[in-house]
Protein backbone atom coordinates (compact mmCIF):
# COMPACT_ATOMS: atom_id res chain seq x y z
CA MET A 1 -6.63 40.13 22.55
CA ARG A 2 -9.93 41.63 21.04
CA ALA A 3 -12.21 39.39 19.23
CA THR A 4 -12.75 40.42 15.55
CA ALA A 5 -16.63 40.92 14.91
CA SER A 6 -18.50 39.37 12.62
CA TYR A 7 -19.65 40.95 9.01
CA GLU A 8 -23.27 40.82 10.40
CA GLN A 9 -22.24 42.49 13.83
CA ARG A 10 -20.48 45.02 12.14
CA LEU A 11 -23.49 45.82 9.72
CA ALA A 12 -26.20 45.57 12.32
CA THR A 13 -24.27 47.97 14.88
CA ALA A 14 -23.55 50.48 12.17
CA ARG A 15 -27.10 50.69 10.90
CA LEU A 16 -28.37 51.25 14.50
CA LEU A 17 -25.92 54.05 15.08
CA HIS A 18 -26.61 55.75 11.57
CA ARG A 19 -30.12 55.38 11.58
CA PHE A 20 -31.60 55.94 15.45
CA ASN A 21 -28.45 58.34 16.62
CA PHE A 22 -27.48 59.98 13.50
CA GLY A 23 -24.26 58.01 13.21
CA PRO A 24 -21.21 57.27 15.81
CA THR A 25 -19.12 59.83 17.70
CA PRO A 26 -15.39 58.98 17.56
CA GLY A 27 -14.38 55.63 18.77
CA GLN A 28 -17.95 54.74 19.67
CA TYR A 29 -18.41 52.15 16.84
CA GLU A 30 -15.36 50.27 17.80
CA ASP A 31 -16.37 50.27 21.52
CA LEU A 32 -19.97 49.06 20.62
CA LEU A 33 -18.35 46.26 18.25
CA GLN A 34 -16.43 44.83 21.47
CA ARG A 35 -19.33 45.29 23.81
CA GLY A 36 -21.94 43.47 21.88
CA LEU A 37 -25.19 44.05 19.98
CA GLU A 38 -27.40 44.26 23.09
CA ALA A 39 -25.09 47.07 24.19
CA THR A 40 -25.54 48.71 21.13
CA ARG A 41 -29.32 48.23 21.31
CA GLU A 42 -29.27 49.69 25.22
CA THR A 43 -27.15 52.76 23.68
CA VAL A 44 -29.37 54.11 20.95
CA LEU A 45 -32.47 53.69 23.14
CA LYS A 46 -31.25 55.96 25.66
CA HIS A 47 -33.59 58.81 26.06
CA GLY A 48 -35.31 61.03 28.98
CA ILE A 49 -31.91 61.23 30.87
CA GLU A 50 -29.63 64.35 31.45
CA ASP A 51 -27.85 65.12 28.37
CA PRO A 52 -24.50 66.34 28.74
CA GLY A 53 -24.13 67.29 24.93
CA LEU A 54 -27.18 69.06 24.95
CA ASN A 55 -26.29 71.22 28.05
CA SER A 56 -23.76 72.72 25.76
CA ALA A 57 -25.96 73.39 22.69
CA PRO A 58 -26.70 76.94 22.49
CA ALA A 59 -30.10 77.91 23.35
CA LEU A 60 -32.46 79.92 20.90
CA THR A 61 -35.00 82.83 22.15
CA LEU A 62 -37.02 84.11 19.02
CA PRO A 63 -38.69 87.33 19.41
CA ASP A 64 -42.30 87.92 18.64
CA LEU A 65 -42.32 89.98 15.52
CA GLY A 66 -45.80 91.09 15.45
CA PRO A 67 -47.94 91.42 12.23
CA TYR A 68 -46.53 92.64 8.96
CA PRO A 69 -45.49 96.35 9.30
CA THR A 70 -46.36 98.88 6.49
CA PRO A 71 -44.51 97.77 3.00
CA ASN A 72 -41.52 100.11 1.91
CA THR A 73 -40.74 101.50 5.27
CA SER A 74 -37.61 101.08 7.62
CA ALA A 75 -39.83 99.11 9.55
CA TRP A 76 -40.58 96.75 6.66
CA THR A 77 -37.00 96.35 5.88
CA ALA A 78 -36.16 95.50 9.79
CA PHE A 79 -38.85 93.35 9.95
CA TRP A 80 -37.96 91.01 6.78
CA ASN A 81 -34.10 91.02 8.12
CA SER A 82 -35.38 89.59 11.40
CA ILE A 83 -37.40 87.00 9.43
CA TYR A 84 -34.52 85.88 7.59
CA GLY A 85 -32.16 86.11 10.42
CA GLY A 86 -34.38 84.15 12.59
CA ASN A 87 -34.93 81.37 10.19
CA ASN A 88 -31.25 81.18 9.68
CA GLN A 89 -30.80 80.95 13.47
CA LEU A 90 -33.40 78.29 13.83
CA VAL A 91 -31.79 76.01 11.36
CA THR A 92 -28.29 76.32 13.28
CA TRP A 93 -29.87 75.67 16.45
CA TRP A 94 -31.57 72.49 15.40
CA LEU A 95 -28.51 71.39 13.46
CA ASP A 96 -26.37 72.17 16.74
CA ARG A 97 -28.80 69.92 18.84
CA MET A 98 -28.93 67.00 16.22
CA THR A 99 -25.14 67.06 16.50
CA LEU A 100 -24.22 67.82 20.10
CA ALA A 101 -26.78 65.10 21.73
CA SER A 102 -25.13 62.68 23.84
CA TYR A 103 -28.07 60.56 23.47
CA PRO A 104 -29.40 61.72 20.31
CA LEU A 105 -32.66 59.31 19.84
CA ASN A 106 -35.03 62.11 21.00
CA GLU A 107 -33.55 64.25 18.61
CA ARG A 108 -33.79 61.91 16.22
CA MET A 109 -37.38 61.07 16.53
CA THR A 110 -38.06 65.09 16.45
CA TRP A 111 -36.45 65.03 13.06
CA PHE A 112 -38.86 62.04 11.95
CA TRP A 113 -41.94 63.89 13.32
CA HIS A 114 -41.12 66.96 11.62
CA GLY A 115 -40.95 65.11 8.38
CA HIS A 116 -44.14 63.35 8.97
CA PHE A 117 -46.12 66.32 10.04
CA ALA A 118 -44.38 68.32 7.24
CA THR A 119 -44.72 71.91 7.97
CA SER A 120 -42.70 74.58 6.00
CA ILE A 121 -41.52 77.94 7.04
CA SER A 122 -41.75 78.97 3.31
CA LYS A 123 -45.46 79.54 3.86
CA VAL A 124 -45.84 80.08 7.68
CA VAL A 125 -42.95 82.88 7.27
CA TYR A 126 -42.58 83.32 11.10
CA PRO A 127 -39.60 81.47 12.68
CA LEU A 128 -41.45 81.49 16.26
CA PRO A 129 -44.38 79.16 15.38
CA MET A 130 -41.91 76.92 13.89
CA GLN A 131 -39.90 76.73 16.64
CA VAL A 132 -43.06 76.08 18.81
CA GLN A 133 -43.99 73.22 16.64
CA ASN A 134 -40.43 71.50 16.71
CA ASN A 135 -40.54 72.04 20.75
CA THR A 136 -43.96 70.11 20.80
CA GLN A 137 -42.61 67.45 18.84
CA ARG A 138 -39.49 67.07 20.79
CA LYS A 139 -41.37 66.90 23.94
CA LEU A 140 -43.58 64.12 22.93
CA ALA A 141 -41.09 62.33 20.48
CA LEU A 142 -41.29 59.15 22.36
CA GLY A 143 -44.39 59.67 24.26
CA ASN A 144 -47.83 58.64 23.27
CA PHE A 145 -49.12 59.51 19.79
CA ARG A 146 -52.50 60.26 21.15
CA ASP A 147 -50.89 63.29 22.83
CA LEU A 148 -48.80 64.31 19.88
CA ALA A 149 -51.78 64.12 17.24
CA ARG A 150 -54.03 66.12 19.77
CA GLU A 151 -51.09 68.96 19.83
CA MET A 152 -50.92 68.89 16.13
CA VAL A 153 -54.35 69.30 15.04
CA LEU A 154 -54.08 72.46 17.04
CA ASP A 155 -50.51 73.54 16.10
CA GLY A 156 -50.52 76.90 14.94
CA ALA A 157 -47.73 76.35 12.34
CA LEU A 158 -49.48 73.41 11.00
CA ASN A 159 -53.14 75.11 10.99
CA PHE A 160 -51.77 78.11 9.02
CA TRP A 161 -49.62 75.90 6.55
CA LEU A 162 -52.75 73.89 5.56
CA ASP A 163 -55.04 76.99 5.37
CA ASN A 164 -57.45 76.06 8.61
CA GLU A 165 -57.63 79.88 9.20
CA GLU A 166 -59.68 80.02 5.84
CA ASN A 167 -62.13 77.17 7.29
CA TYR A 168 -65.57 78.83 7.71
CA VAL A 169 -69.14 76.98 8.30
CA GLU A 170 -70.17 78.81 5.32
CA SER A 171 -67.27 78.06 3.02
CA PRO A 172 -65.14 74.75 4.44
CA ASN A 173 -61.60 74.31 3.61
CA GLU A 174 -60.78 70.78 3.84
CA ASN A 175 -57.09 70.79 3.71
CA LEU A 176 -56.22 70.29 7.31
CA ALA A 177 -58.93 67.57 7.43
CA ARG A 178 -58.02 65.76 4.53
CA GLU A 179 -54.09 65.92 4.99
CA PHE A 180 -54.89 64.88 8.88
CA MET A 181 -56.11 61.75 8.16
CA GLU A 182 -54.33 60.57 4.64
CA LEU A 183 -50.99 61.74 5.69
CA PHE A 184 -50.71 61.91 9.39
CA THR A 185 -53.09 59.18 10.87
CA LEU A 186 -54.82 56.68 8.59
CA GLY A 187 -53.21 56.46 5.18
CA VAL A 188 -54.64 56.44 1.41
CA GLY A 189 -57.97 55.17 0.91
CA LYS A 190 -58.93 54.96 4.92
CA PHE A 191 -61.67 57.35 4.78
CA THR A 192 -64.49 58.61 2.51
CA GLN A 193 -64.91 62.42 0.74
CA ASP A 194 -67.73 62.59 3.15
CA ASP A 195 -65.48 62.15 6.04
CA VAL A 196 -63.32 64.99 4.95
CA THR A 197 -66.36 67.02 4.62
CA SER A 198 -67.67 66.18 8.08
CA ALA A 199 -63.94 66.56 9.53
CA ALA A 200 -63.57 69.98 8.12
CA MET A 201 -66.80 71.00 9.94
CA ALA A 202 -65.20 69.73 12.96
CA LEU A 203 -62.01 72.04 12.52
CA THR A 204 -64.00 75.27 11.72
CA GLY A 205 -63.82 78.26 14.19
CA TYR A 206 -60.08 77.76 14.97
CA GLU A 207 -58.12 80.89 14.63
CA THR A 208 -54.32 80.99 14.48
CA THR A 209 -52.04 84.24 15.08
CA GLN A 210 -49.73 83.60 12.42
CA TRP A 211 -46.36 85.29 14.23
CA THR A 212 -46.77 83.28 17.46
CA GLY A 213 -48.67 80.29 16.31
CA ALA A 214 -51.35 80.63 19.18
CA VAL A 215 -54.63 79.11 18.23
CA SER A 216 -57.83 79.76 19.85
CA LEU A 217 -61.67 78.67 19.37
CA ASN A 218 -63.95 81.33 18.27
CA ALA A 219 -67.20 79.43 19.47
CA THR A 220 -69.45 81.52 17.25
CA GLY A 221 -67.63 80.30 14.02
CA HIS A 222 -67.61 76.32 15.34
CA TYR A 223 -69.88 73.81 13.84
CA SER A 224 -71.21 72.58 17.19
CA LYS A 225 -73.77 70.38 15.89
CA PRO A 226 -73.64 66.09 15.68
CA ILE A 227 -71.74 65.31 12.52
CA THR A 228 -70.79 61.96 11.33
CA ILE A 229 -67.05 60.99 11.14
CA LEU A 230 -65.55 57.48 9.85
CA GLY A 231 -68.83 56.05 11.12
CA ARG A 232 -69.08 57.96 14.72
CA THR A 233 -71.78 60.60 15.17
CA ALA A 234 -71.23 63.32 17.73
CA PRO A 235 -70.27 66.83 18.24
CA PHE A 236 -66.78 67.26 17.29
CA ASN A 237 -64.37 69.89 17.90
CA ALA A 238 -60.51 69.43 16.80
CA GLN A 239 -59.26 67.46 19.78
CA GLY A 240 -62.19 65.03 19.66
CA PHE A 241 -61.46 64.41 15.70
CA ALA A 242 -57.97 63.65 16.54
CA ALA A 243 -58.50 61.33 19.28
CA LEU A 244 -61.29 59.38 16.95
CA VAL A 245 -58.74 58.71 14.23
CA VAL A 246 -56.02 57.79 16.57
CA SER A 247 -58.21 55.04 18.19
CA LEU A 248 -58.84 53.19 14.96
CA ARG A 249 -56.77 50.20 14.37
CA GLN A 250 -55.78 51.47 10.87
CA ASN A 251 -53.97 54.30 12.71
CA ALA A 252 -51.45 51.58 14.54
CA ASN A 253 -50.95 50.12 11.33
CA PHE A 254 -50.22 53.28 9.70
CA ILE A 255 -47.72 54.60 11.97
CA SER A 256 -45.68 51.54 12.27
CA ASP A 257 -45.63 51.22 8.65
CA ARG A 258 -44.16 54.93 8.44
CA LEU A 259 -41.51 54.04 11.10
CA TRP A 260 -40.40 50.95 9.37
CA PHE A 261 -40.34 52.74 6.03
CA ARG A 262 -38.18 55.59 7.22
CA PHE A 263 -35.81 53.83 9.55
CA VAL A 264 -35.50 50.12 8.54
CA SER A 265 -36.61 49.51 4.88
CA SER A 266 -38.54 51.33 1.95
CA THR A 267 -38.16 48.04 -0.04
CA THR A 268 -39.23 45.24 2.37
CA SER A 269 -42.52 44.90 4.27
CA PRO A 270 -42.66 45.09 8.11
CA PRO A 271 -43.02 41.78 9.92
CA PRO A 272 -47.18 41.41 10.77
CA ASN A 273 -46.84 41.96 14.50
CA LEU A 274 -45.13 45.28 14.30
CA ALA A 275 -48.37 47.43 14.89
CA ALA A 276 -48.69 45.07 17.91
CA HIS A 277 -46.17 47.25 19.39
CA PHE A 278 -48.11 50.18 18.91
CA ASN A 279 -51.57 48.97 20.47
CA ASP A 280 -51.24 51.69 23.48
CA ARG A 281 -49.94 54.22 20.61
CA ASP A 282 -46.69 54.47 22.85
CA VAL A 283 -43.92 55.67 20.18
CA ALA A 284 -41.06 54.24 22.54
CA SER A 285 -42.08 50.81 22.53
CA LEU A 286 -42.48 50.71 18.73
CA VAL A 287 -39.11 52.14 18.58
CA ASN A 288 -38.07 49.69 20.89
CA ALA A 289 -39.31 46.80 18.80
CA LEU A 290 -37.75 48.26 15.79
CA VAL A 291 -34.27 48.32 17.28
CA ARG A 292 -34.68 44.92 18.74
CA SER A 293 -36.09 43.62 15.23
CA SER A 294 -34.10 41.12 13.51
CA ALA A 295 -33.96 43.12 10.29
CA TRP A 296 -30.80 44.66 10.89
CA THR A 297 -28.57 41.99 8.96
CA ASN A 298 -30.74 41.66 6.12
CA PRO A 299 -29.05 43.02 3.14
CA ALA A 300 -32.29 44.32 1.41
CA ASN A 301 -32.56 46.79 4.24
CA ALA A 302 -30.39 49.37 2.88
CA LEU A 303 -31.48 52.88 3.18
CA VAL A 304 -30.10 55.86 1.56
CA LYS A 305 -29.35 58.72 4.22
CA SER A 306 -31.05 62.06 3.53
CA PRO A 307 -28.49 65.41 3.25
CA VAL A 308 -29.34 66.39 6.87
CA GLU A 309 -28.52 62.91 8.34
CA TRP A 310 -25.51 62.70 6.45
CA PHE A 311 -24.54 66.09 7.26
CA VAL A 312 -24.95 65.41 11.01
CA GLY A 313 -23.32 62.14 10.74
CA ALA A 314 -20.09 63.91 9.55
CA CYS A 315 -20.20 66.49 12.05
CA ARG A 316 -20.59 63.91 15.11
CA ALA A 317 -17.54 61.83 13.76
CA LEU A 318 -15.52 64.87 13.19
CA LYS A 319 -16.56 66.64 16.55
CA VAL A 320 -17.76 69.92 14.48
CA GLN A 321 -20.56 72.05 15.74
CA PRO A 322 -22.70 73.22 12.75
CA SER A 323 -22.93 76.58 14.07
CA SER A 324 -19.07 77.02 14.00
CA LEU A 325 -19.24 76.77 9.79
CA ASN A 326 -19.91 79.17 7.29
CA GLN A 327 -23.74 79.48 7.52
CA THR A 328 -24.46 81.14 4.48
CA ASN A 329 -22.43 78.28 2.52
CA LEU A 330 -23.69 75.52 4.54
CA GLN A 331 -27.35 76.31 4.41
CA TRP A 332 -26.97 77.26 0.70
CA ASP A 333 -25.48 73.87 -0.10
CA LEU A 334 -28.05 71.86 2.01
CA SER A 335 -30.95 73.53 0.22
CA GLN A 336 -29.23 72.67 -3.03
CA MET A 337 -29.06 69.10 -2.11
CA GLY A 338 -32.54 69.50 -1.55
CA GLN A 339 -32.98 69.44 2.44
CA ILE A 340 -33.10 72.11 4.85
CA PRO A 341 -34.64 71.60 8.35
CA PHE A 342 -37.96 73.59 8.60
CA ASN A 343 -38.43 73.82 5.14
CA PRO A 344 -39.90 70.57 3.35
CA PRO A 345 -41.08 70.70 -0.06
CA ASN A 346 -44.70 69.97 0.58
CA VAL A 347 -47.06 68.33 2.97
CA GLY A 348 -45.85 65.07 1.73
CA GLY A 349 -42.52 65.77 3.37
CA TRP A 350 -39.09 64.77 1.87
CA PRO A 351 -38.49 61.99 -0.54
CA SER A 352 -36.47 58.95 0.29
CA GLY A 353 -33.93 56.56 -1.14
CA GLN A 354 -32.40 57.15 -4.96
CA ALA A 355 -34.01 60.86 -4.98
CA TRP A 356 -30.68 61.46 -2.65
CA LEU A 357 -28.14 60.31 -4.86
CA SER A 358 -28.09 62.61 -7.79
CA GLY A 359 -24.80 64.01 -9.41
CA ALA A 360 -25.96 67.45 -8.53
CA ALA A 361 -26.57 66.44 -4.81
CA LEU A 362 -22.88 64.75 -4.77
CA GLN A 363 -21.38 67.87 -6.10
CA TYR A 364 -22.95 69.83 -3.07
CA LYS A 365 -22.26 66.90 -0.53
CA PHE A 366 -18.35 67.15 -1.77
CA ALA A 367 -18.60 71.10 -1.13
CA VAL A 368 -20.05 70.44 2.47
CA ALA A 369 -17.65 67.43 2.95
CA GLN A 370 -14.78 69.79 2.46
CA LEU A 371 -16.03 72.47 4.97
CA VAL A 372 -16.58 69.64 7.99
CA VAL A 373 -13.41 67.95 7.14
CA ALA A 374 -11.29 71.39 7.16
CA ALA A 375 -12.84 72.21 10.81
CA GLY A 376 -12.79 68.83 12.07
CA ASP A 377 -10.55 66.45 14.24
CA LEU A 378 -9.02 64.06 12.33
CA SER A 379 -6.96 62.24 15.18
CA PRO A 380 -8.75 58.90 14.63
CA LEU A 381 -6.43 58.42 11.85
CA SER A 382 -3.28 58.96 13.49
CA VAL A 383 -2.11 55.30 12.73
CA PRO A 384 0.17 53.84 10.45
CA SER A 385 -0.64 54.43 7.08
CA SER A 386 -1.17 50.56 6.34
CA LYS A 387 -4.04 50.74 8.92
CA MET A 388 -5.54 53.72 8.11
CA VAL A 389 -8.35 52.82 5.66
CA GLN A 390 -9.72 50.33 8.26
CA ALA A 391 -9.24 53.04 11.03
CA CYS A 392 -11.43 55.34 8.67
CA ALA A 393 -14.35 52.64 8.42
CA ASP A 394 -14.23 51.98 12.26
CA TRP A 395 -14.53 55.88 12.97
CA LEU A 396 -17.32 56.49 10.52
CA GLY A 397 -18.83 53.46 11.30
CA VAL A 398 -18.83 51.71 7.87
CA PRO A 399 -19.17 47.83 7.98
CA GLU A 400 -16.67 47.32 5.18
CA TRP A 401 -15.52 49.44 2.19
CA SER A 402 -16.03 47.97 -1.37
CA ARG A 403 -12.60 47.33 -2.95
CA ARG A 404 -12.80 49.88 -5.31
CA THR A 405 -13.60 52.47 -2.19
CA ALA A 406 -10.66 50.90 -0.39
CA ASN A 407 -8.30 51.28 -3.15
CA SER A 408 -9.29 55.08 -3.61
CA LEU A 409 -8.74 55.89 0.08
CA ALA A 410 -5.44 53.88 0.31
CA ALA A 411 -4.27 56.07 -2.75
CA ALA A 412 -5.03 59.23 -0.42
CA THR A 413 -3.31 58.29 3.10
CA SER A 414 -0.64 60.83 2.41
CA ASN A 415 -3.39 63.42 2.78
CA PRO A 416 -5.76 62.67 5.53
CA SER A 417 -8.34 65.53 4.74
CA GLU A 418 -8.60 64.28 1.26
CA MET A 419 -9.03 60.98 2.29
CA VAL A 420 -11.81 61.56 4.75
CA THR A 421 -13.39 64.03 2.33
CA ALA A 422 -13.67 61.03 -0.21
CA ALA A 423 -14.71 58.72 2.70
CA LEU A 424 -17.79 60.86 3.51
CA CYS A 425 -18.97 60.96 -0.20
CA ALA A 426 -18.30 57.26 -0.60
CA PRO A 427 -21.08 55.02 -1.62
CA GLU A 428 -20.75 53.02 1.50
CA TYR A 429 -21.07 56.23 3.84
CA LEU A 430 -23.71 57.95 1.77
CA VAL A 431 -26.25 54.74 2.12
CA SER A 432 -26.47 52.98 5.49
CA ALA A 433 -25.98 49.71 4.03
């Protein structure tokens, strides 16, 4: 006879699966409840091994579309068709990867870094540089942050997004310099305007090929004399600047705080020793510390799922490959919910929390839930009607339905599609409680 898991174990197991793995696959939540919390931790932390799910994910090779053709020509029309088509393919490709991964931690961390180094195709235009950036973030997602920062400061999509191709010695553009310190590595108020001015000089001379994302240094356009940044005087280039800011104690504090905010809680403070797990700037060590934290049973540490996280979780539970759905409808609905991959609203990335729970967003969530349920495998509800409500919670990884939700679901047991649609839009699933 199986032992009944406590509410605290159900809560911790659900939070770990939803926040680090996008949510459970069918049967996974029940299995891990039986195997215990340590087995859950080990499961969500798996990465760096052969992933059979990703082996089945469609590959995507985007072409080099070259510079803009002459307007109002057939080449112009074909060019923009390729741009829009490539953008749609890119979104679908990544949604498939998130959904199909057998060990999703690496894709989940890639999603985190995408929001952290927020870059939007709305300005970059070309899908190829966005995929190049995405692959770089995926490669280094759980590696050393020193390497990731060094790659990002010379990433073509990010350089173009933050106007570094307009950064000249005679007329510095400070966008990349400021945001690299404020949003990516150190945080607000940890540097001065003089530091921004000097850092911008360190970033002069870098030229970006917009259609490929290739970045090269034009030595004649680079300011190579000694400058002072954050108290250090030297002849800096981009990678030297990145190495400097990442070496500072504040960088460990800032990045560990950001992971706590996005994975654990936006309302409670991280433990004072969390940054110590990031002393060597090893991302995997920091994630391991979060997963093994005692925070997972604290009721205050609820997080609202973002639209993409909610959608991917639903697809994983119902065994639906996103590319099998109507992409026009899906991507429109995601955009109306306020979140679609590769198109964050600004360099600060997407919002969090209550912003995702508006009435308008719920309307589009309902439409997407219907889309997923119509294509999904509902066999986990092949149980007597008296057990369907609990079976639905165990299937989707919900610790406990409220009485109101349970009553609503019980009223729909004669129509499993309607029941699952309601469950996917219920507060207990929209929020990683």
